[in-house]
Amino acid sequence: MTTLKSKLREDLNAAIKERDELRSSTLRLTLTAITQEEVSGKEKRELSDEEIIKVITREAKKRREAADAFAQGDRPEQAEREKAEGEILAAYLPKQLDDEELDRIVAQAVEEAKAAGAEGPRAMGQVMKIVNPKVAGLAEGGRVAAAVKKLLAG
C-alpha cells in the first residue's frame, strides 16, 4: 500500500525528471513541511495520511492567501504562481464539498442543534461542533462558518 507521502515523493521525482520547476518546488516545499511536522514533537514520528492531508490543506491555504495578497499588491506573476501551486496541492486533497452539499450538511446540523435546545446566535458554536467532524478536510473553516451564519440568520 502506498502512502500519501510516498506518492508525493514519486511525483516529486517525476517532476524533477520532467524538469517541471513549479511542480517540483511545490512538492519539495510540501514534503519539507511534512518532515517538519514529523520532527516537531518530543520524538520523531511518521505522519498518518490524515495528518499529511492536514499539512497539505494548510499549505494549500497558505498559497491561496499569498495569491490574494500578491493580487492585491499588484503582483500578478507571483499571484498566478501561488495559485498554480495551490492547484497542484489541491490534487492531493479529498474533493471539496460544493455549496449545495455543504448547505445540506449545515441544515441538518442546525436542526440537530435546535432539537438540543440551541437558539439564536449562541447556536453557532453548537452547530459548528456538529458540522466540523462531518466536513473535516472537505470544506474550509471560513466557508463552513459562513454557511452556518447564513442558515442561522435565515
Protein backbone atom coordinates (compact mmCIF):
# COMPACT_ATOMS: atom_id res chain seq x y z
CA MET A 1 0.00 0.00 0.00
CA THR A 2 1.48 3.34 -0.97
CA THR A 3 1.14 6.14 1.49
CA LEU A 4 0.37 9.71 0.54
CA LYS A 5 3.92 10.68 1.50
CA SER A 6 5.48 8.10 -0.86
CA LYS A 7 3.08 9.26 -3.61
CA LEU A 8 4.31 12.84 -3.08
CA ARG A 9 7.93 11.63 -3.29
CA GLU A 10 7.26 9.65 -6.50
CA ASP A 11 5.53 12.66 -8.05
CA LEU A 12 8.43 14.90 -6.98
CA ASN A 13 10.94 12.57 -8.69
CA ALA A 14 8.79 12.51 -11.84
CA ALA A 15 8.53 16.32 -11.81
CA ILE A 16 12.31 16.65 -11.44
CA LYS A 17 12.87 14.28 -14.39
CA GLU A 18 10.35 16.25 -16.47
CA ARG A 19 12.08 19.50 -15.45
CA ASP A 20 8.72 20.78 -14.15
CA GLU A 21 10.09 23.51 -11.88
CA LEU A 22 6.73 24.68 -10.50
CA ARG A 23 5.54 21.19 -9.58
CA SER A 24 8.89 20.03 -8.17
CA SER A 25 9.37 23.12 -5.98
CA THR A 26 5.76 22.88 -4.71
CA LEU A 27 6.12 19.20 -3.81
CA ARG A 28 9.57 19.77 -2.29
CA LEU A 29 8.19 22.52 -0.01
CA THR A 30 5.23 20.34 0.97
CA LEU A 31 7.45 17.36 1.82
CA THR A 32 9.62 19.72 3.90
CA ALA A 33 6.50 20.88 5.78
CA ILE A 34 5.55 17.23 6.40
CA THR A 35 9.07 16.43 7.69
CA GLN A 36 8.99 19.48 9.98
CA GLU A 37 5.68 18.27 11.39
CA GLU A 38 7.17 14.80 11.94
CA VAL A 39 10.12 16.12 13.95
CA SER A 40 8.28 18.93 15.74
CA GLY A 41 7.17 16.91 18.77
CA LYS A 42 9.26 15.39 21.53
CA GLU A 43 10.10 12.42 19.32
CA LYS A 44 10.26 11.87 15.57
CA ARG A 45 7.27 10.04 14.17
CA GLU A 46 5.71 9.09 10.85
CA LEU A 47 2.57 11.08 9.99
CA SER A 48 -0.60 9.22 9.01
CA ASP A 49 -2.26 10.03 5.68
CA GLU A 50 -4.95 12.01 7.61
CA GLU A 51 -2.23 14.12 9.26
CA ILE A 52 -0.49 14.60 5.92
CA ILE A 53 -3.80 15.79 4.42
CA LYS A 54 -3.99 18.40 7.22
CA VAL A 55 -0.46 19.59 6.36
CA ILE A 56 -1.29 19.76 2.63
CA THR A 57 -4.55 21.60 3.43
CA ARG A 58 -2.58 24.13 5.50
CA GLU A 59 0.00 24.55 2.72
CA ALA A 60 -2.74 24.99 0.08
CA LYS A 61 -4.44 27.61 2.26
CA LYS A 62 -1.13 29.50 2.60
CA ARG A 63 -0.86 29.53 -1.21
CA ARG A 64 -4.41 30.89 -1.61
CA GLU A 65 -3.79 33.61 0.96
CA ALA A 66 -0.46 34.52 -0.66
CA ALA A 67 -2.11 34.63 -4.10
CA ASP A 68 -4.74 37.04 -2.74
CA ALA A 69 -2.07 39.20 -1.10
CA PHE A 70 0.03 39.31 -4.28
CA ALA A 71 -3.05 40.12 -6.38
CA GLN A 72 -3.96 43.00 -4.06
CA GLY A 73 -0.33 44.14 -4.10
CA ASP A 74 -0.48 44.32 -7.91
CA ARG A 75 2.00 41.47 -8.43
CA PRO A 76 0.07 39.26 -10.88
CA GLU A 77 3.00 36.93 -11.74
CA GLN A 78 3.52 35.92 -8.11
CA ALA A 79 -0.24 35.65 -7.59
CA GLU A 80 -0.50 33.28 -10.57
CA ARG A 81 2.38 31.15 -9.32
CA GLU A 82 0.88 30.85 -5.80
CA LYS A 83 -2.48 29.96 -7.35
CA ALA A 84 -0.85 27.31 -9.55
CA GLU A 85 0.97 25.83 -6.52
CA GLY A 86 -2.35 25.73 -4.65
CA GLU A 87 -3.94 23.83 -7.53
CA ILE A 88 -1.10 21.29 -7.57
CA LEU A 89 -1.66 20.68 -3.84
CA ALA A 90 -5.45 20.51 -4.22
CA ALA A 91 -5.00 17.43 -6.41
CA TYR A 92 -3.75 15.54 -3.32
CA LEU A 93 -6.71 16.54 -1.16
CA PRO A 94 -10.16 14.96 -0.93
CA LYS A 95 -12.65 16.57 -3.31
CA GLN A 96 -14.12 19.65 -1.65
CA LEU A 97 -17.86 19.78 -0.97
CA ASP A 98 -19.84 22.01 -3.31
CA ASP A 99 -22.08 24.72 -1.82
CA GLU A 100 -25.21 22.60 -2.14
CA GLU A 101 -23.71 19.64 -0.25
CA LEU A 102 -22.27 21.93 2.42
CA ASP A 103 -25.63 23.71 2.91
CA ARG A 104 -27.39 20.35 3.26
CA ILE A 105 -24.97 19.16 5.97
CA VAL A 106 -25.22 22.52 7.77
CA ALA A 107 -29.04 22.47 7.59
CA GLN A 108 -29.08 19.03 9.26
CA ALA A 109 -26.72 20.29 11.97
CA VAL A 110 -28.90 23.37 12.58
CA GLU A 111 -31.91 21.06 13.05
CA GLU A 112 -29.93 18.86 15.46
CA ALA A 113 -28.75 21.88 17.46
CA LYS A 114 -32.29 23.32 17.63
CA ALA A 115 -33.61 19.92 18.76
CA ALA A 116 -30.98 20.02 21.51
CA GLY A 117 -32.26 23.45 22.58
CA ALA A 118 -29.67 25.74 20.97
CA GLU A 119 -31.22 29.01 19.78
CA GLY A 120 -30.11 32.26 18.14
CA PRO A 121 -26.50 33.41 17.89
CA ARG A 122 -25.46 31.03 20.68
CA ALA A 123 -26.41 28.13 18.42
CA MET A 124 -23.38 28.91 16.20
CA GLY A 125 -20.96 27.04 18.47
CA GLN A 126 -23.30 24.09 18.84
CA VAL A 127 -23.84 23.82 15.09
CA MET A 128 -20.10 24.11 14.37
CA LYS A 129 -19.42 21.26 16.83
CA ILE A 130 -21.84 19.06 14.90
CA VAL A 131 -20.71 20.15 11.41
CA ASN A 132 -16.91 20.19 11.78
CA PRO A 133 -16.32 16.43 12.15
CA LYS A 134 -18.61 15.77 9.16
CA VAL A 135 -16.82 18.18 6.82
CA ALA A 136 -13.22 17.88 8.10
CA GLY A 137 -10.91 18.17 5.11
CA LEU A 138 -13.84 18.58 2.72
CA ALA A 139 -14.58 22.28 3.26
CA GLU A 140 -12.56 25.19 4.59
CA GLY A 141 -13.46 26.56 8.02
CA GLY A 142 -14.38 30.01 6.72
CA ARG A 143 -16.79 28.56 4.18
CA VAL A 144 -18.39 26.37 6.84
CA ALA A 145 -18.80 29.26 9.29
CA ALA A 146 -20.33 31.45 6.56
CA ALA A 147 -22.84 28.71 5.66
CA VAL A 148 -23.77 28.24 9.33
CA LYS A 149 -24.24 32.00 9.87
CA LYS A 150 -26.37 32.25 6.73
CA LEU A 151 -28.67 29.44 7.84
CA LEU A 152 -28.94 30.64 11.44
CA ALA A 153 -29.78 34.16 10.27
CA GLY A 154 -32.36 32.87 7.81
